[in-house]
Amino acid sequence: MFTKNKKSRIMKEVQTHEKDTGSPEVQIAILTHRIDELAKHLKKNAKDNHSRRGLLQMVATRKAHMKYLEKKNPKRFNALNKKLGLKK
């Protein structure tokens, strides 16, 4: 379950300033953690196709955010990849 406390802790890790809640870094970090939780769920519940569709949508959204960040600011993109442990 993705609680409010967990979300705020994730945001604090990657915020660019104190009130940052919508920058690409924050959105990518939140999506990454939601994807990880849903992937664990799908390992236990392999036939849950509705959740699988949601997972694929989140992965596509994260990819679009990453593409945008890479185009706008490659330095921030590389730093975020290292912090979250993502591939390109």
N, C-alpha and C. Protein backbone atom coordinates (compact mmCIF):
# COMPACT_ATOMS: atom_id res chain seq x y z
N MET A 1 0.83 -1.18 0.00
CA MET A 1 0.00 0.00 0.00
C MET A 1 0.88 1.24 0.00
N PHE A 2 0.49 2.20 -0.77
CA PHE A 2 1.27 3.43 -0.93
C PHE A 2 0.66 4.51 -0.05
N THR A 3 1.23 4.73 1.13
CA THR A 3 0.67 5.67 2.09
C THR A 3 1.20 7.08 1.86
N LYS A 4 0.55 8.02 2.52
CA LYS A 4 0.94 9.43 2.40
C LYS A 4 2.35 9.65 2.97
N ASN A 5 2.67 8.97 4.07
CA ASN A 5 3.99 9.10 4.68
C ASN A 5 5.09 8.57 3.77
N LYS A 6 4.82 7.44 3.13
CA LYS A 6 5.80 6.85 2.23
C LYS A 6 6.05 7.77 1.03
N LYS A 7 4.97 8.37 0.53
CA LYS A 7 5.07 9.27 -0.61
C LYS A 7 5.88 10.52 -0.24
N SER A 8 5.63 11.08 0.94
CA SER A 8 6.38 12.28 1.35
C SER A 8 7.84 11.95 1.60
N ARG A 9 8.14 10.76 2.10
CA ARG A 9 9.54 10.35 2.31
C ARG A 9 10.28 10.22 0.97
N ILE A 10 9.58 9.66 -0.02
CA ILE A 10 10.17 9.52 -1.35
C ILE A 10 10.42 10.89 -1.96
N MET A 11 9.46 11.81 -1.79
CA MET A 11 9.62 13.15 -2.36
C MET A 11 10.80 13.87 -1.72
N LYS A 12 10.99 13.73 -0.42
CA LYS A 12 12.09 14.42 0.27
C LYS A 12 13.45 13.96 -0.24
N GLU A 13 13.53 12.72 -0.71
CA GLU A 13 14.80 12.19 -1.20
C GLU A 13 15.25 12.86 -2.50
N VAL A 14 14.31 13.24 -3.35
CA VAL A 14 14.68 13.73 -4.68
C VAL A 14 14.23 15.16 -4.98
N GLN A 15 13.67 15.88 -4.00
CA GLN A 15 13.20 17.24 -4.25
C GLN A 15 14.33 18.17 -4.65
N THR A 16 14.02 19.11 -5.54
CA THR A 16 15.01 20.11 -5.93
C THR A 16 14.97 21.31 -4.99
N HIS A 17 13.80 21.56 -4.36
CA HIS A 17 13.66 22.60 -3.33
C HIS A 17 12.60 22.14 -2.34
N GLU A 18 12.39 22.90 -1.29
CA GLU A 18 11.56 22.46 -0.17
C GLU A 18 10.11 22.13 -0.54
N LYS A 19 9.50 22.93 -1.41
CA LYS A 19 8.09 22.72 -1.75
C LYS A 19 7.90 22.02 -3.09
N ASP A 20 8.91 21.33 -3.56
CA ASP A 20 8.86 20.64 -4.84
C ASP A 20 8.02 19.38 -4.73
N THR A 21 6.90 19.35 -5.44
CA THR A 21 6.05 18.16 -5.44
C THR A 21 5.75 17.66 -6.84
N GLY A 22 6.14 18.40 -7.87
CA GLY A 22 5.74 18.01 -9.21
C GLY A 22 6.83 18.01 -10.25
N SER A 23 8.08 18.15 -9.84
CA SER A 23 9.16 18.15 -10.82
C SER A 23 9.28 16.74 -11.42
N PRO A 24 9.91 16.63 -12.58
CA PRO A 24 10.06 15.31 -13.20
C PRO A 24 10.77 14.31 -12.28
N GLU A 25 11.73 14.78 -11.49
CA GLU A 25 12.45 13.87 -10.59
C GLU A 25 11.50 13.25 -9.56
N VAL A 26 10.64 14.08 -8.99
CA VAL A 26 9.69 13.60 -7.98
C VAL A 26 8.70 12.62 -8.61
N GLN A 27 8.19 12.97 -9.77
CA GLN A 27 7.21 12.11 -10.44
C GLN A 27 7.83 10.77 -10.81
N ILE A 28 9.05 10.78 -11.31
CA ILE A 28 9.73 9.54 -11.68
C ILE A 28 9.99 8.69 -10.45
N ALA A 29 10.41 9.30 -9.35
CA ALA A 29 10.69 8.55 -8.12
C ALA A 29 9.42 7.90 -7.59
N ILE A 30 8.32 8.63 -7.58
CA ILE A 30 7.06 8.08 -7.08
C ILE A 30 6.59 6.94 -7.98
N LEU A 31 6.66 7.14 -9.28
CA LEU A 31 6.27 6.08 -10.21
C LEU A 31 7.14 4.85 -10.04
N THR A 32 8.43 5.04 -9.82
CA THR A 32 9.34 3.92 -9.66
C THR A 32 8.96 3.08 -8.45
N HIS A 33 8.64 3.72 -7.35
CA HIS A 33 8.26 2.97 -6.16
C HIS A 33 6.90 2.29 -6.32
N ARG A 34 5.97 2.94 -7.00
CA ARG A 34 4.68 2.30 -7.26
C ARG A 34 4.86 1.10 -8.19
N ILE A 35 5.73 1.22 -9.17
CA ILE A 35 6.01 0.11 -10.09
C ILE A 35 6.62 -1.06 -9.35
N ASP A 36 7.55 -0.78 -8.44
CA ASP A 36 8.17 -1.85 -7.65
C ASP A 36 7.14 -2.61 -6.81
N GLU A 37 6.25 -1.86 -6.16
CA GLU A 37 5.22 -2.49 -5.33
C GLU A 37 4.27 -3.33 -6.18
N LEU A 38 3.88 -2.81 -7.34
CA LEU A 38 2.96 -3.54 -8.20
C LEU A 38 3.63 -4.77 -8.80
N ALA A 39 4.92 -4.69 -9.08
CA ALA A 39 5.63 -5.85 -9.62
C ALA A 39 5.67 -6.98 -8.57
N LYS A 40 5.86 -6.61 -7.30
CA LYS A 40 5.83 -7.62 -6.23
C LYS A 40 4.45 -8.27 -6.16
N HIS A 41 3.41 -7.45 -6.29
CA HIS A 41 2.05 -7.97 -6.25
C HIS A 41 1.82 -8.95 -7.40
N LEU A 42 2.32 -8.61 -8.58
CA LEU A 42 2.09 -9.46 -9.74
C LEU A 42 2.88 -10.76 -9.69
N LYS A 43 3.97 -10.79 -8.92
CA LYS A 43 4.70 -12.05 -8.75
C LYS A 43 3.87 -13.05 -7.95
N LYS A 44 3.08 -12.53 -6.99
CA LYS A 44 2.22 -13.39 -6.18
C LYS A 44 0.92 -13.71 -6.92
N ASN A 45 0.42 -12.76 -7.70
CA ASN A 45 -0.88 -12.89 -8.37
C ASN A 45 -0.68 -12.78 -9.88
N ALA A 46 -0.17 -13.84 -10.46
CA ALA A 46 0.23 -13.82 -11.87
C ALA A 46 -0.94 -13.60 -12.83
N LYS A 47 -2.14 -13.94 -12.42
CA LYS A 47 -3.29 -13.84 -13.34
C LYS A 47 -4.05 -12.52 -13.21
N ASP A 48 -3.53 -11.59 -12.46
CA ASP A 48 -4.20 -10.30 -12.25
C ASP A 48 -3.89 -9.38 -13.43
N ASN A 49 -4.66 -9.54 -14.49
CA ASN A 49 -4.39 -8.80 -15.73
C ASN A 49 -4.77 -7.33 -15.64
N HIS A 50 -5.70 -6.97 -14.79
CA HIS A 50 -6.06 -5.57 -14.63
C HIS A 50 -4.90 -4.79 -14.02
N SER A 51 -4.25 -5.37 -13.04
CA SER A 51 -3.09 -4.71 -12.43
C SER A 51 -1.91 -4.69 -13.39
N ARG A 52 -1.79 -5.72 -14.20
CA ARG A 52 -0.71 -5.76 -15.19
C ARG A 52 -0.85 -4.61 -16.18
N ARG A 53 -2.08 -4.32 -16.58
CA ARG A 53 -2.32 -3.21 -17.50
C ARG A 53 -1.93 -1.88 -16.85
N GLY A 54 -2.28 -1.72 -15.58
CA GLY A 54 -1.89 -0.52 -14.85
C GLY A 54 -0.40 -0.39 -14.73
N LEU A 55 0.28 -1.51 -14.51
CA LEU A 55 1.74 -1.51 -14.44
C LEU A 55 2.35 -1.04 -15.75
N LEU A 56 1.85 -1.55 -16.85
CA LEU A 56 2.38 -1.15 -18.16
C LEU A 56 2.14 0.33 -18.43
N GLN A 57 1.01 0.86 -17.98
CA GLN A 57 0.74 2.28 -18.15
C GLN A 57 1.71 3.12 -17.32
N MET A 58 1.99 2.68 -16.09
CA MET A 58 2.92 3.42 -15.24
C MET A 58 4.33 3.40 -15.82
N VAL A 59 4.74 2.25 -16.38
CA VAL A 59 6.06 2.15 -16.98
C VAL A 59 6.17 3.10 -18.18
N ALA A 60 5.12 3.17 -18.99
CA ALA A 60 5.12 4.07 -20.14
C ALA A 60 5.17 5.53 -19.70
N THR A 61 4.44 5.86 -18.65
CA THR A 61 4.44 7.24 -18.14
C THR A 61 5.81 7.61 -17.60
N ARG A 62 6.42 6.68 -16.85
CA ARG A 62 7.76 6.95 -16.32
C ARG A 62 8.76 7.13 -17.45
N LYS A 63 8.63 6.33 -18.49
CA LYS A 63 9.54 6.44 -19.63
C LYS A 63 9.40 7.80 -20.30
N ALA A 64 8.17 8.29 -20.42
CA ALA A 64 7.94 9.61 -21.03
C ALA A 64 8.55 10.71 -20.17
N HIS A 65 8.39 10.63 -18.86
CA HIS A 65 8.99 11.62 -17.95
C HIS A 65 10.52 11.58 -18.05
N MET A 66 11.07 10.38 -18.13
CA MET A 66 12.53 10.26 -18.22
C MET A 66 13.06 10.81 -19.53
N LYS A 67 12.32 10.57 -20.60
CA LYS A 67 12.72 11.10 -21.90
C LYS A 67 12.71 12.62 -21.89
N TYR A 68 11.68 13.20 -21.26
CA TYR A 68 11.58 14.66 -21.14
C TYR A 68 12.75 15.21 -20.34
N LEU A 69 13.04 14.60 -19.19
CA LEU A 69 14.11 15.08 -18.32
C LEU A 69 15.47 14.94 -19.01
N GLU A 70 15.67 13.86 -19.74
CA GLU A 70 16.94 13.66 -20.45
C GLU A 70 17.13 14.73 -21.52
N LYS A 71 16.05 15.11 -22.18
CA LYS A 71 16.14 16.12 -23.23
C LYS A 71 16.38 17.51 -22.63
N LYS A 72 15.69 17.82 -21.53
CA LYS A 72 15.78 19.16 -20.94
C LYS A 72 17.04 19.38 -20.12
N ASN A 73 17.45 18.37 -19.34
CA ASN A 73 18.59 18.54 -18.45
C ASN A 73 19.29 17.19 -18.22
N PRO A 74 20.24 16.84 -19.08
CA PRO A 74 20.91 15.53 -18.96
C PRO A 74 21.64 15.33 -17.63
N LYS A 75 22.14 16.41 -17.05
CA LYS A 75 22.86 16.28 -15.78
C LYS A 75 21.92 15.80 -14.67
N ARG A 76 20.74 16.41 -14.57
CA ARG A 76 19.75 15.99 -13.57
C ARG A 76 19.26 14.57 -13.86
N PHE A 77 19.14 14.23 -15.14
CA PHE A 77 18.71 12.90 -15.54
C PHE A 77 19.70 11.84 -15.06
N ASN A 78 20.99 12.09 -15.28
CA ASN A 78 22.01 11.13 -14.86
C ASN A 78 22.06 10.99 -13.35
N ALA A 79 21.92 12.10 -12.63
CA ALA A 79 21.92 12.06 -11.17
C ALA A 79 20.74 11.25 -10.64
N LEU A 80 19.57 11.42 -11.25
CA LEU A 80 18.39 10.68 -10.82
C LEU A 80 18.54 9.19 -11.10
N ASN A 81 19.10 8.85 -12.25
CA ASN A 81 19.32 7.44 -12.57
C ASN A 81 20.22 6.78 -11.55
N LYS A 82 21.27 7.46 -11.14
CA LYS A 82 22.17 6.90 -10.13
C LYS A 82 21.46 6.75 -8.80
N LYS A 83 20.68 7.76 -8.42
CA LYS A 83 20.00 7.75 -7.13
C LYS A 83 18.96 6.63 -7.04
N LEU A 84 18.21 6.43 -8.12
CA LEU A 84 17.14 5.43 -8.12
C LEU A 84 17.61 4.05 -8.58
N GLY A 85 18.81 3.99 -9.17
CA GLY A 85 19.33 2.71 -9.65
C GLY A 85 18.61 2.20 -10.88
N LEU A 86 18.26 3.11 -11.78
CA LEU A 86 17.55 2.74 -13.00
C LEU A 86 18.52 2.61 -14.16
N LYS A 87 18.07 1.85 -15.16
CA LYS A 87 18.80 1.85 -16.42
C LYS A 87 18.36 3.07 -17.19
N LYS A 88 18.89 3.25 -18.37
CA LYS A 88 18.47 4.40 -19.17
C LYS A 88 17.07 4.35 -19.59
